[in-house]
PDB file of N, CA and C in Angstrom:
ATOM      1  N   UNK A   1     -57.763  84.289 -35.341  1.00  0.00           N
ATOM      2  CA  UNK A   1     -58.143  84.690 -34.004  1.00  0.00           C
ATOM      3  C   UNK A   1     -57.775  83.560 -33.040  1.00  0.00           C
ATOM      4  N   UNK A   2     -57.452  83.946 -31.819  1.00  0.00           N
ATOM      5  CA  UNK A   2     -57.078  82.972 -30.800  1.00  0.00           C
ATOM      6  C   UNK A   2     -58.166  82.848 -29.737  1.00  0.00           C
ATOM      7  N   UNK A   3     -58.139  81.717 -29.051  1.00  0.00           N
ATOM      8  CA  UNK A   3     -58.975  81.464 -27.884  1.00  0.00           C
ATOM      9  C   UNK A   3     -58.054  80.978 -26.780  1.00  0.00           C
ATOM     10  N   UNK A   4     -58.565  80.983 -25.576  1.00  0.00           N
ATOM     11  CA  UNK A   4     -57.761  80.523 -24.453  1.00  0.00           C
ATOM     12  C   UNK A   4     -58.523  79.550 -23.586  1.00  0.00           C
ATOM     13  N   UNK A   5     -57.784  78.833 -22.774  1.00  0.00           N
ATOM     14  CA  UNK A   5     -58.351  77.967 -21.757  1.00  0.00           C
ATOM     15  C   UNK A   5     -57.676  78.282 -20.436  1.00  0.00           C
ATOM     16  N   UNK A   6     -58.447  78.219 -19.381  1.00  0.00           N
ATOM     17  CA  UNK A   6     -57.919  78.361 -18.027  1.00  0.00           C
ATOM     18  C   UNK A   6     -58.309  77.100 -17.278  1.00  0.00           C
ATOM     19  N   UNK A   7     -57.310  76.306 -16.911  1.00  0.00           N
ATOM     20  CA  UNK A   7     -57.528  75.097 -16.132  1.00  0.00           C
ATOM     21  C   UNK A   7     -57.130  75.424 -14.703  1.00  0.00           C
ATOM     22  N   UNK A   8     -58.078  75.367 -13.779  1.00  0.00           N
ATOM     23  CA  UNK A   8     -57.775  75.753 -12.395  1.00  0.00           C
ATOM     24  C   UNK A   8     -58.123  74.621 -11.440  1.00  0.00           C
ATOM     25  N   UNK A   9     -57.472  74.636 -10.294  1.00  0.00           N
ATOM     26  CA  UNK A   9     -57.668  73.573  -9.310  1.00  0.00           C
ATOM     27  C   UNK A   9     -57.489  74.102  -7.906  1.00  0.00           C
ATOM     28  N   UNK A  10     -58.110  73.368  -6.983  1.00  0.00           N
ATOM     29  CA  UNK A  10     -57.956  73.652  -5.565  1.00  0.00           C
ATOM     30  C   UNK A  10     -57.012  72.640  -4.945  1.00  0.00           C
ATOM     31  N   UNK A  11     -57.316  72.250  -3.727  1.00  0.00           N
ATOM     32  CA  UNK A  11     -56.435  71.347  -2.997  1.00  0.00           C
ATOM     33  C   UNK A  11     -56.411  69.947  -3.627  1.00  0.00           C
ATOM     34  N   UNK A  12     -55.326  69.253  -3.361  1.00  0.00           N
ATOM     35  CA  UNK A  12     -55.180  67.866  -3.807  1.00  0.00           C
ATOM     36  C   UNK A  12     -56.013  66.985  -2.879  1.00  0.00           C
ATOM     37  N   UNK A  13     -56.693  66.018  -3.442  1.00  0.00           N
ATOM     38  CA  UNK A  13     -57.467  65.081  -2.631  1.00  0.00           C
ATOM     39  C   UNK A  13     -56.485  64.274  -1.776  1.00  0.00           C
ATOM     40  N   UNK A  14     -56.674  64.244  -0.451  1.00  0.00           N
ATOM     41  CA  UNK A  14     -55.736  63.545   0.427  1.00  0.00           C
ATOM     42  C   UNK A  14     -55.497  62.097  -0.021  1.00  0.00           C
ATOM     43  N   UNK A  15     -54.218  61.720   0.003  1.00  0.00           N
ATOM     44  CA  UNK A  15     -53.818  60.388  -0.414  1.00  0.00           C
ATOM     45  C   UNK A  15     -53.512  60.289  -1.900  1.00  0.00           C
ATOM     46  N   UNK A  16     -53.765  61.369  -2.648  1.00  0.00           N
ATOM     47  CA  UNK A  16     -53.537  61.371  -4.096  1.00  0.00           C
ATOM     48  C   UNK A  16     -52.384  62.302  -4.498  1.00  0.00           C
ATOM     49  N   UNK A  17     -51.561  62.683  -3.534  1.00  0.00           N
ATOM     50  CA  UNK A  17     -50.506  63.660  -3.795  1.00  0.00           C
ATOM     51  C   UNK A  17     -49.533  63.209  -4.883  1.00  0.00           C
ATOM     52  N   UNK A  18     -49.052  61.986  -4.788  1.00  0.00           N
ATOM     53  CA  UNK A  18     -48.076  61.502  -5.779  1.00  0.00           C
ATOM     54  C   UNK A  18     -48.671  61.547  -7.184  1.00  0.00           C
ATOM     55  N   UNK A  19     -49.878  61.045  -7.326  1.00  0.00           N
ATOM     56  CA  UNK A  19     -50.528  61.030  -8.637  1.00  0.00           C
ATOM     57  C   UNK A  19     -50.783  62.444  -9.154  1.00  0.00           C
ATOM     58  N   UNK A  20     -51.130  63.356  -8.255  1.00  0.00           N
ATOM     59  CA  UNK A  20     -51.401  64.739  -8.661  1.00  0.00           C
ATOM     60  C   UNK A  20     -50.127  65.418  -9.172  1.00  0.00           C
ATOM     61  N   UNK A  21     -49.003  65.201  -8.488  1.00  0.00           N
ATOM     62  CA  UNK A  21     -47.744  65.789  -8.949  1.00  0.00           C
ATOM     63  C   UNK A  21     -47.298  65.169 -10.274  1.00  0.00           C
ATOM     64  N   UNK A  22     -47.517  63.876 -10.435  1.00  0.00           N
ATOM     65  CA  UNK A  22     -47.204  63.221 -11.702  1.00  0.00           C
ATOM     66  C   UNK A  22     -48.081  63.768 -12.832  1.00  0.00           C
ATOM     67  N   UNK A  23     -49.347  64.024 -12.530  1.00  0.00           N
ATOM     68  CA  UNK A  23     -50.251  64.584 -13.529  1.00  0.00           C
ATOM     69  C   UNK A  23     -49.812  65.987 -13.938  1.00  0.00           C
ATOM     70  N   UNK A  24     -49.393  66.800 -12.978  1.00  0.00           N
ATOM     71  CA  UNK A  24     -48.919  68.147 -13.301  1.00  0.00           C
ATOM     72  C   UNK A  24     -47.709  68.067 -14.229  1.00  0.00           C
ATOM     73  N   UNK A  25     -46.769  67.187 -13.902  1.00  0.00           N
ATOM     74  CA  UNK A  25     -45.575  67.014 -14.739  1.00  0.00           C
ATOM     75  C   UNK A  25     -45.974  66.567 -16.145  1.00  0.00           C
ATOM     76  N   UNK A  26     -46.894  65.622 -16.227  1.00  0.00           N
ATOM     77  CA  UNK A  26     -47.375  65.144 -17.526  1.00  0.00           C
ATOM     78  C   UNK A  26     -48.047  66.267 -18.299  1.00  0.00           C
ATOM     79  N   UNK A  27     -48.882  67.066 -17.625  1.00  0.00           N
ATOM     80  CA  UNK A  27     -49.589  68.171 -18.287  1.00  0.00           C
ATOM     81  C   UNK A  27     -48.600  69.173 -18.868  1.00  0.00           C
ATOM     82  N   UNK A  28     -47.519  69.461 -18.157  1.00  0.00           N
ATOM     83  CA  UNK A  28     -46.515  70.401 -18.668  1.00  0.00           C
ATOM     84  C   UNK A  28     -45.851  69.849 -19.928  1.00  0.00           C
ATOM     85  N   UNK A  29     -45.523  68.571 -19.933  1.00  0.00           N
ATOM     86  CA  UNK A  29     -44.925  67.947 -21.125  1.00  0.00           C
ATOM     87  C   UNK A  29     -45.926  67.925 -22.282  1.00  0.00           C
ATOM     88  N   UNK A  30     -47.164  67.581 -21.972  1.00  0.00           N
ATOM     89  CA  UNK A  30     -48.223  67.522 -22.988  1.00  0.00           C
ATOM     90  C   UNK A  30     -48.405  68.898 -23.632  1.00  0.00           C
ATOM     91  N   UNK A  31     -48.520  69.939 -22.815  1.00  0.00           N
ATOM     92  CA  UNK A  31     -48.729  71.287 -23.357  1.00  0.00           C
ATOM     93  C   UNK A  31     -47.493  71.801 -24.094  1.00  0.00           C
ATOM     94  N   UNK A  32     -46.321  71.425 -23.633  1.00  0.00           N
ATOM     95  CA  UNK A  32     -45.109  71.802 -24.354  1.00  0.00           C
ATOM     96  C   UNK A  32     -45.110  71.180 -25.752  1.00  0.00           C
ATOM     97  N   UNK A  33     -45.562  69.945 -25.855  1.00  0.00           N
ATOM     98  CA  UNK A  33     -45.680  69.298 -27.162  1.00  0.00           C
ATOM     99  C   UNK A  33     -46.695  70.003 -28.047  1.00  0.00           C
ATOM    100  N   UNK A  34     -47.800  70.442 -27.449  1.00  0.00           N
ATOM    101  CA  UNK A  34     -48.819  71.184 -28.209  1.00  0.00           C
ATOM    102  C   UNK A  34     -48.271  72.530 -28.672  1.00  0.00           C
ATOM    103  N   UNK A  35     -47.430  73.138 -27.862  1.00  0.00           N
ATOM    104  CA  UNK A  35     -46.811  74.411 -28.267  1.00  0.00           C
ATOM    105  C   UNK A  35     -45.825  74.178 -29.403  1.00  0.00           C
ATOM    106  N   UNK A  36     -45.031  73.144 -29.300  1.00  0.00           N
ATOM    107  CA  UNK A  36     -44.066  72.812 -30.348  1.00  0.00           C
ATOM    108  C   UNK A  36     -44.770  72.557 -31.676  1.00  0.00           C
ATOM    109  N   UNK A  37     -45.943  71.904 -31.626  1.00  0.00           N
ATOM    110  CA  UNK A  37     -46.679  71.592 -32.853  1.00  0.00           C
ATOM    111  C   UNK A  37     -47.466  72.789 -33.398  1.00  0.00           C
ATOM    112  N   UNK A  38     -47.590  73.864 -32.600  1.00  0.00           N
ATOM    113  CA  UNK A  38     -48.332  75.045 -33.041  1.00  0.00           C
ATOM    114  C   UNK A  38     -49.802  75.040 -32.664  1.00  0.00           C
ATOM    115  N   UNK A  39     -50.279  73.964 -32.040  1.00  0.00           N
ATOM    116  CA  UNK A  39     -51.681  73.912 -31.617  1.00  0.00           C
ATOM    117  C   UNK A  39     -51.935  74.904 -30.491  1.00  0.00           C
ATOM    118  N   UNK A  40     -50.912  75.166 -29.691  1.00  0.00           N
ATOM    119  CA  UNK A  40     -50.965  76.129 -28.598  1.00  0.00           C
ATOM    120  C   UNK A  40     -49.844  77.131 -28.827  1.00  0.00           C
ATOM    121  N   UNK A  41     -50.159  78.419 -28.743  1.00  0.00           N
ATOM    122  CA  UNK A  41     -49.116  79.433 -28.938  1.00  0.00           C
ATOM    123  C   UNK A  41     -48.506  79.907 -27.621  1.00  0.00           C
ATOM    124  N   UNK A  42     -49.211  79.638 -26.521  1.00  0.00           N
ATOM    125  CA  UNK A  42     -48.745  80.098 -25.212  1.00  0.00           C
ATOM    126  C   UNK A  42     -49.363  79.215 -24.142  1.00  0.00           C
ATOM    127  N   UNK A  43     -48.575  78.881 -23.124  1.00  0.00           N
ATOM    128  CA  UNK A  43     -49.132  78.292 -21.910  1.00  0.00           C
ATOM    129  C   UNK A  43     -48.195  78.610 -20.764  1.00  0.00           C
ATOM    130  N   UNK A  44     -48.788  78.770 -19.595  1.00  0.00           N
ATOM    131  CA  UNK A  44     -47.991  79.052 -18.406  1.00  0.00           C
ATOM    132  C   UNK A  44     -48.775  78.647 -17.170  1.00  0.00           C
ATOM    133  N   UNK A  45     -48.131  77.933 -16.248  1.00  0.00           N
ATOM    134  CA  UNK A  45     -48.789  77.611 -14.980  1.00  0.00           C
ATOM    135  C   UNK A  45     -48.594  78.750 -13.975  1.00  0.00           C
ATOM    136  N   UNK A  46     -49.551  78.903 -13.100  1.00  0.00           N
ATOM    137  CA  UNK A  46     -49.489  79.893 -12.026  1.00  0.00           C
ATOM    138  C   UNK A  46     -49.919  79.213 -10.731  1.00  0.00           C
ATOM    139  N   UNK A  47     -49.263  79.548  -9.642  1.00  0.00           N
ATOM    140  CA  UNK A  47     -49.694  79.097  -8.328  1.00  0.00           C
ATOM    141  C   UNK A  47     -50.176  80.305  -7.553  1.00  0.00           C
ATOM    142  N   UNK A  48     -51.314  80.169  -6.885  1.00  0.00           N
ATOM    143  CA  UNK A  48     -51.940  81.276  -6.177  1.00  0.00           C
ATOM    144  C   UNK A  48     -51.452  81.272  -4.736  1.00  0.00           C
ATOM    145  N   UNK A  49     -51.007  82.435  -4.274  1.00  0.00           N
ATOM    146  CA  UNK A  49     -50.453  82.526  -2.929  1.00  0.00           C
ATOM    147  C   UNK A  49     -51.427  83.116  -1.922  1.00  0.00           C
ATOM    148  N   UNK A  50     -52.396  83.878  -2.400  1.00  0.00           N
ATOM    149  CA  UNK A  50     -53.252  84.621  -1.475  1.00  0.00           C
ATOM    150  C   UNK A  50     -54.726  84.382  -1.759  1.00  0.00           C
ATOM    151  N   UNK A  51     -55.191  83.204  -1.441  1.00  0.00           N
ATOM    152  CA  UNK A  51     -56.602  82.880  -1.631  1.00  0.00           C
ATOM    153  C   UNK A  51     -56.959  81.720  -0.726  1.00  0.00           C
ATOM    154  N   UNK A  52     -58.168  81.279  -0.794  1.00  0.00           N
ATOM    155  CA  UNK A  52     -58.602  80.089  -0.083  1.00  0.00           C
ATOM    156  C   UNK A  52     -58.014  78.888  -0.812  1.00  0.00           C
ATOM    157  N   UNK A  53     -56.999  78.279  -0.240  1.00  0.00           N
ATOM    158  CA  UNK A  53     -56.271  77.191  -0.883  1.00  0.00           C
ATOM    159  C   UNK A  53     -57.137  75.964  -1.153  1.00  0.00           C
ATOM    160  N   UNK A  54     -58.234  75.819  -0.446  1.00  0.00           N
ATOM    161  CA  UNK A  54     -59.152  74.715  -0.721  1.00  0.00           C
ATOM    162  C   UNK A  54     -59.744  74.857  -2.120  1.00  0.00           C
ATOM    163  N   UNK A  55     -60.052  76.089  -2.515  1.00  0.00           N
ATOM    164  CA  UNK A  55     -60.755  76.329  -3.777  1.00  0.00           C
ATOM    165  C   UNK A  55     -59.843  76.650  -4.952  1.00  0.00           C
ATOM    166  N   UNK A  56     -58.715  77.277  -4.691  1.00  0.00           N
ATOM    167  CA  UNK A  56     -57.829  77.609  -5.815  1.00  0.00           C
ATOM    168  C   UNK A  56     -56.381  77.649  -5.358  1.00  0.00           C
ATOM    169  N   UNK A  57     -55.643  76.660  -5.814  1.00  0.00           N
ATOM    170  CA  UNK A  57     -54.212  76.635  -5.532  1.00  0.00           C
ATOM    171  C   UNK A  57     -53.401  77.024  -6.750  1.00  0.00           C
ATOM    172  N   UNK A  58     -53.989  76.872  -7.925  1.00  0.00           N
ATOM    173  CA  UNK A  58     -53.257  77.228  -9.123  1.00  0.00           C
ATOM    174  C   UNK A  58     -54.101  77.124 -10.363  1.00  0.00           C
ATOM    175  N   UNK A  59     -53.497  77.547 -11.464  1.00  0.00           N
ATOM    176  CA  UNK A  59     -54.173  77.447 -12.752  1.00  0.00           C
ATOM    177  C   UNK A  59     -53.140  77.492 -13.858  1.00  0.00           C
ATOM    178  N   UNK A  60     -53.559  77.043 -15.022  1.00  0.00           N
ATOM    179  CA  UNK A  60     -52.743  77.103 -16.230  1.00  0.00           C
ATOM    180  C   UNK A  60     -53.542  77.894 -17.254  1.00  0.00           C
ATOM    181  N   UNK A  61     -52.896  78.861 -17.866  1.00  0.00           N
ATOM    182  CA  UNK A  61     -53.502  79.613 -18.967  1.00  0.00           C
ATOM    183  C   UNK A  61     -52.839  79.113 -20.246  1.00  0.00           C
ATOM    184  N   UNK A  62     -53.655  78.799 -21.243  1.00  0.00           N
ATOM    185  CA  UNK A  62     -53.095  78.476 -22.545  1.00  0.00           C
ATOM    186  C   UNK A  62     -53.942  79.147 -23.607  1.00  0.00           C
ATOM    187  N   UNK A  63     -53.300  79.431 -24.728  1.00  0.00           N
ATOM    188  CA  UNK A  63     -54.037  80.009 -25.840  1.00  0.00           C
ATOM    189  C   UNK A  63     -53.453  79.524 -27.144  1.00  0.00           C
ATOM    190  N   UNK A  64     -54.280  79.617 -28.184  1.00  0.00           N
ATOM    191  CA  UNK A  64     -53.882  79.178 -29.506  1.00  0.00           C
ATOM    192  C   UNK A  64     -54.979  79.510 -30.492  1.00  0.00           C
ATOM    193  N   UNK A  65     -54.772  79.188 -31.756  1.00  0.00           N
ATOM    194  CA  UNK A  65     -55.807  79.446 -32.755  1.00  0.00           C
ATOM    195  C   UNK A  65     -57.121  78.769 -32.351  1.00  0.00           C
ATOM    196  N   UNK A  66     -58.235  79.474 -32.555  1.00  0.00           N
ATOM    197  CA  UNK A  66     -59.541  78.972 -32.127  1.00  0.00           C
ATOM    198  C   UNK A  66     -59.768  77.537 -32.584  1.00  0.00           C
ATOM    199  N   UNK A  67     -59.537  77.252 -33.863  1.00  0.00           N
ATOM    200  CA  UNK A  67     -59.778  75.905 -34.380  1.00  0.00           C
ATOM    201  C   UNK A  67     -58.924  74.866 -33.666  1.00  0.00           C
ATOM    202  N   UNK A  68     -57.681  75.212 -33.363  1.00  0.00           N
ATOM    203  CA  UNK A  68     -56.781  74.273 -32.690  1.00  0.00           C
ATOM    204  C   UNK A  68     -57.200  74.033 -31.239  1.00  0.00           C
ATOM    205  N   UNK A  69     -57.642  75.084 -30.561  1.00  0.00           N
ATOM    206  CA  UNK A  69     -58.081  74.935 -29.168  1.00  0.00           C
ATOM    207  C   UNK A  69     -59.306  74.029 -29.106  1.00  0.00           C
ATOM    208  N   UNK A  70     -60.274  74.256 -30.001  1.00  0.00           N
ATOM    209  CA  UNK A  70     -61.470  73.415 -29.981  1.00  0.00           C
ATOM    210  C   UNK A  70     -61.151  71.983 -30.423  1.00  0.00           C
ATOM    211  N   UNK A  71     -60.208  71.821 -31.313  1.00  0.00           N
ATOM    212  CA  UNK A  71     -59.761  70.475 -31.709  1.00  0.00           C
ATOM    213  C   UNK A  71     -59.103  69.775 -30.517  1.00  0.00           C
ATOM    214  N   UNK A  72     -58.242  70.492 -29.807  1.00  0.00           N
ATOM    215  CA  UNK A  72     -57.570  69.956 -28.623  1.00  0.00           C
ATOM    216  C   UNK A  72     -58.597  69.482 -27.595  1.00  0.00           C
ATOM    217  N   UNK A  73     -59.677  70.250 -27.422  1.00  0.00           N
ATOM    218  CA  UNK A  73     -60.693  69.927 -26.418  1.00  0.00           C
ATOM    219  C   UNK A  73     -61.445  68.638 -26.726  1.00  0.00           C
ATOM    220  N   UNK A  74     -61.298  68.108 -27.930  1.00  0.00           N
ATOM    221  CA  UNK A  74     -61.955  66.860 -28.320  1.00  0.00           C
ATOM    222  C   UNK A  74     -60.990  65.684 -28.349  1.00  0.00           C
ATOM    223  N   UNK A  75     -59.698  65.922 -28.174  1.00  0.00           N
ATOM    224  CA  UNK A  75     -58.704  64.854 -28.252  1.00  0.00           C
ATOM    225  C   UNK A  75     -58.754  63.962 -27.018  1.00  0.00           C
ATOM    226  N   UNK A  76     -58.624  62.670 -27.238  1.00  0.00           N
ATOM    227  CA  UNK A  76     -58.697  61.705 -26.152  1.00  0.00           C
ATOM    228  C   UNK A  76     -57.632  61.968 -25.083  1.00  0.00           C
ATOM    229  N   UNK A  77     -56.429  62.307 -25.500  1.00  0.00           N
ATOM    230  CA  UNK A  77     -55.350  62.535 -24.528  1.00  0.00           C
ATOM    231  C   UNK A  77     -55.679  63.701 -23.603  1.00  0.00           C
ATOM    232  N   UNK A  78     -56.226  64.786 -24.155  1.00  0.00           N
ATOM    233  CA  UNK A  78     -56.635  65.945 -23.363  1.00  0.00           C
ATOM    234  C   UNK A  78     -57.779  65.561 -22.422  1.00  0.00           C
ATOM    235  N   UNK A  79     -58.775  64.853 -22.948  1.00  0.00           N
ATOM    236  CA  UNK A  79     -59.928  64.461 -22.131  1.00  0.00           C
ATOM    237  C   UNK A  79     -59.524  63.508 -21.015  1.00  0.00           C
ATOM    238  N   UNK A  80     -58.546  62.648 -21.270  1.00  0.00           N
ATOM    239  CA  UNK A  80     -58.038  61.754 -20.232  1.00  0.00           C
ATOM    240  C   UNK A  80     -57.317  62.554 -19.155  1.00  0.00           C
ATOM    241  N   UNK A  81     -56.537  63.541 -19.563  1.00  0.00           N
ATOM    242  CA  UNK A  81     -55.855  64.418 -18.611  1.00  0.00           C
ATOM    243  C   UNK A  81     -56.887  65.083 -17.699  1.00  0.00           C
ATOM    244  N   UNK A  82     -57.973  65.604 -18.277  1.00  0.00           N
ATOM    245  CA  UNK A  82     -59.017  66.245 -17.479  1.00  0.00           C
ATOM    246  C   UNK A  82     -59.683  65.252 -16.537  1.00  0.00           C
ATOM    247  N   UNK A  83     -59.964  64.059 -17.032  1.00  0.00           N
ATOM    248  CA  UNK A  83     -60.606  63.040 -16.191  1.00  0.00           C
ATOM    249  C   UNK A  83     -59.749  62.724 -14.974  1.00  0.00           C
ATOM    250  N   UNK A  84     -58.457  62.591 -15.177  1.00  0.00           N
ATOM    251  CA  UNK A  84     -57.560  62.329 -14.048  1.00  0.00           C
ATOM    252  C   UNK A  84     -57.588  63.495 -13.067  1.00  0.00           C
ATOM    253  N   UNK A  85     -57.581  64.716 -13.579  1.00  0.00           N
ATOM    254  CA  UNK A  85     -57.602  65.892 -12.709  1.00  0.00           C
ATOM    255  C   UNK A  85     -58.855  65.923 -11.849  1.00  0.00           C
ATOM    256  N   UNK A  86     -59.996  65.554 -12.415  1.00  0.00           N
ATOM    257  CA  UNK A  86     -61.239  65.538 -11.644  1.00  0.00           C
ATOM    258  C   UNK A  86     -61.179  64.552 -10.476  1.00  0.00           C
ATOM    259  N   UNK A  87     -60.430  63.461 -10.638  1.00  0.00           N
ATOM    260  CA  UNK A  87     -60.305  62.473  -9.573  1.00  0.00           C
ATOM    261  C   UNK A  87     -59.214  62.807  -8.555  1.00  0.00           C
ATOM    262  N   UNK A  88     -58.281  63.667  -8.920  1.00  0.00           N
ATOM    263  CA  UNK A  88     -57.134  63.948  -8.054  1.00  0.00           C
ATOM    264  C   UNK A  88     -57.191  65.305  -7.358  1.00  0.00           C
ATOM    265  N   UNK A  89     -57.995  66.219  -7.885  1.00  0.00           N
ATOM    266  CA  UNK A  89     -57.980  67.606  -7.395  1.00  0.00           C
ATOM    267  C   UNK A  89     -59.388  68.080  -7.050  1.00  0.00           C
ATOM    268  N   UNK A  90     -59.484  68.796  -5.955  1.00  0.00           N
ATOM    269  CA  UNK A  90     -60.749  69.432  -5.606  1.00  0.00           C
ATOM    270  C   UNK A  90     -60.944  70.678  -6.455  1.00  0.00           C
ATOM    271  N   UNK A  91     -62.184  70.949  -6.792  1.00  0.00           N
ATOM    272  CA  UNK A  91     -62.566  72.189  -7.482  1.00  0.00           C
ATOM    273  C   UNK A  91     -61.853  72.377  -8.821  1.00  0.00           C
ATOM    274  N   UNK A  92     -61.583  71.289  -9.527  1.00  0.00           N
ATOM    275  CA  UNK A  92     -60.959  71.399 -10.847  1.00  0.00           C
ATOM    276  C   UNK A  92     -61.997  71.904 -11.841  1.00  0.00           C
ATOM    277  N   UNK A  93     -61.603  72.867 -12.670  1.00  0.00           N
ATOM    278  CA  UNK A  93     -62.527  73.349 -13.695  1.00  0.00           C
ATOM    279  C   UNK A  93     -61.750  73.902 -14.882  1.00  0.00           C
ATOM    280  N   UNK A  94     -62.454  73.990 -15.996  1.00  0.00           N
ATOM    281  CA  UNK A  94     -61.885  74.515 -17.237  1.00  0.00           C
ATOM    282  C   UNK A  94     -62.793  75.641 -17.716  1.00  0.00           C
ATOM    283  N   UNK A  95     -62.195  76.790 -18.016  1.00  0.00           N
ATOM    284  CA  UNK A  95     -62.923  77.939 -18.554  1.00  0.00           C
ATOM    285  C   UNK A  95     -62.396  78.249 -19.950  1.00  0.00           C
ATOM    286  N   UNK A  96     -63.308  78.523 -20.880  1.00  0.00           N
ATOM    287  CA  UNK A  96     -62.919  78.995 -22.211  1.00  0.00           C
ATOM    288  C   UNK A  96     -62.794  80.510 -22.129  1.00  0.00           C
ATOM    289  N   UNK A  97     -61.697  81.038 -22.655  1.00  0.00           N
ATOM    290  CA  UNK A  97     -61.391  82.471 -22.536  1.00  0.00           C
ATOM    291  C   UNK A  97     -61.421  83.185 -23.882  1.00  0.00           C
ATOM    292  N   UNK A  98     -61.883  84.413 -23.861  1.00  0.00           N
ATOM    293  CA  UNK A  98     -61.713  85.315 -24.994  1.00  0.00           C
ATOM    294  C   UNK A  98     -60.372  85.998 -24.787  1.00  0.00           C
ATOM    295  N   UNK A  99     -59.523  85.992 -25.799  1.00  0.00           N
ATOM    296  CA  UNK A  99     -58.181  86.575 -25.692  1.00  0.00           C
ATOM    297  C   UNK A  99     -57.871  87.401 -26.936  1.00  0.00           C
ATOM    298  N   UNK A 100     -56.810  88.197 -26.839  1.00  0.00           N
ATOM    299  CA  UNK A 100     -56.301  88.925 -27.998  1.00  0.00           C
ATOM    300  C   UNK A 100     -57.340  89.781 -28.685  1.00  0.00           C
ATOM    301  N   UNK A 101     -57.362  89.699 -30.020  1.00  0.00           N
ATOM    302  CA  UNK A 101     -58.280  90.521 -30.805  1.00  0.00           C
ATOM    303  C   UNK A 101     -59.737  90.157 -30.554  1.00  0.00           C
ATOM    304  N   UNK A 102     -59.990  88.977 -29.990  1.00  0.00           N
ATOM    305  CA  UNK A 102     -61.352  88.588 -29.631  1.00  0.00           C
ATOM    306  C   UNK A 102     -61.943  89.492 -28.566  1.00  0.00           C
ATOM    307  N   UNK A 103     -61.084  90.084 -27.736  1.00  0.00           N
ATOM    308  CA  UNK A 103     -61.563  91.006 -26.696  1.00  0.00           C
ATOM    309  C   UNK A 103     -62.160  92.245 -27.337  1.00  0.00           C
ATOM    310  N   UNK A 104     -61.494  92.797 -28.349  1.00  0.00           N
ATOM    311  CA  UNK A 104     -62.018  93.974 -29.056  1.00  0.00           C
ATOM    312  C   UNK A 104     -63.346  93.631 -29.716  1.00  0.00           C
ATOM    313  N   UNK A 105     -63.422  92.469 -30.358  1.00  0.00           N
ATOM    314  CA  UNK A 105     -64.667  92.054 -31.008  1.00  0.00           C
ATOM    315  C   UNK A 105     -65.786  91.898 -29.985  1.00  0.00           C
ATOM    316  N   UNK A 106     -65.480  91.338 -28.813  1.00  0.00           N
ATOM    317  CA  UNK A 106     -66.491  91.170 -27.775  1.00  0.00           C
ATOM    318  C   UNK A 106     -66.960  92.522 -27.246  1.00  0.00           C
ATOM    319  N   UNK A 107     -66.042  93.451 -27.062  1.00  0.00           N
ATOM    320  CA  UNK A 107     -66.419  94.796 -26.602  1.00  0.00           C
ATOM    321  C   UNK A 107     -67.267  95.511 -27.644  1.00  0.00           C
ATOM    322  N   UNK A 108     -66.902  95.403 -28.924  1.00  0.00           N
ATOM    323  CA  UNK A 108     -67.693  96.010 -30.005  1.00  0.00           C
ATOM    324  C   UNK A 108     -69.096  95.423 -30.039  1.00  0.00           C
ATOM    325  N   UNK A 109     -69.187  94.117 -29.927  1.00  0.00           N
ATOM    326  CA  UNK A 109     -70.486  93.434 -29.936  1.00  0.00           C
ATOM    327  C   UNK A 109     -71.341  93.926 -28.774  1.00  0.00           C
ATOM    328  N   UNK A 110     -70.746  94.045 -27.603  1.00  0.00           N
ATOM    329  CA  UNK A 110     -71.458  94.519 -26.422  1.00  0.00           C
ATOM    330  C   UNK A 110     -71.965  95.948 -26.617  1.00  0.00           C
ATOM    331  N   UNK A 111     -71.132  96.803 -27.196  1.00  0.00           N
ATOM    332  CA  UNK A 111     -71.537  98.190 -27.448  1.00  0.00           C
ATOM    333  C   UNK A 111     -72.737  98.235 -28.405  1.00  0.00           C
ATOM    334  N   UNK A 112     -72.703  97.423 -29.452  1.00  0.00           N
ATOM    335  CA  UNK A 112     -73.801  97.383 -30.412  1.00  0.00           C
ATOM    336  C   UNK A 112     -75.085  96.893 -29.745  1.00  0.00           C
ATOM    337  N   UNK A 113     -74.989  95.880 -28.918  1.00  0.00           N
ATOM    338  CA  UNK A 113     -76.163  95.345 -28.231  1.00  0.00           C
ATOM    339  C   UNK A 113     -76.735  96.386 -27.268  1.00  0.00           C
ATOM    340  N   UNK A 114     -75.863  97.100 -26.567  1.00  0.00           N
ATOM    341  CA  UNK A 114     -76.351  98.132 -25.638  1.00  0.00           C
ATOM    342  C   UNK A 114     -77.135  99.198 -26.401  1.00  0.00           C
ATOM    343  N   UNK A 115     -76.640  99.618 -27.551  1.00  0.00           N
ATOM    344  CA  UNK A 115     -77.346 100.616 -28.377  1.00  0.00           C
ATOM    345  C   UNK A 115     -78.681 100.033 -28.844  1.00  0.00           C
ATOM    346  N   UNK A 116     -78.630  98.804 -29.328  1.00  0.00           N
ATOM    347  CA  UNK A 116     -79.837  98.127 -29.824  1.00  0.00           C
ATOM    348  C   UNK A 116     -80.910  98.008 -28.736  1.00  0.00           C
ATOM    349  N   UNK A 117     -80.471  97.774 -27.502  1.00  0.00           N
ATOM    350  CA  UNK A 117     -81.401  97.626 -26.378  1.00  0.00           C
ATOM    351  C   UNK A 117     -81.731  98.948 -25.701  1.00  0.00           C
ATOM    352  N   UNK A 118     -81.104 100.026 -26.160  1.00  0.00           N
ATOM    353  CA  UNK A 118     -81.362 101.340 -25.579  1.00  0.00           C
ATOM    354  C   UNK A 118     -80.802 101.510 -24.182  1.00  0.00           C
ATOM    355  N   UNK A 119     -79.704 100.875 -23.928  1.00  0.00           N
ATOM    356  CA  UNK A 119     -79.075 100.969 -22.606  1.00  0.00           C
ATOM    357  C   UNK A 119     -77.952 101.979 -22.574  1.00  0.00           C
TER     358      UNK A 119
END
């Protein structure tokens, strides 16, 4: 089964533009290496065109085997990348995602709970 991560960010903190662009470039290389090694099966950056740019300018979706994603989340290099993002970007956050066959399992679980609760 796979899990996903969504790393999203808002505006760049003024005066930190160069560092923020360097971090984005580094993140793309880092994730490409994780894809090559099989820890990540998919990743893609997205830039948002129609929203409040202060709160969300873009995000990266990545997914991979559950064990590999949780292992990645404990690696020093990943945690350092996140720490830099928190200092360079407004509204930076990371969401854990249910993806693939996990969606069917989550829907089945929800249906069972609704029956159990009489809803």
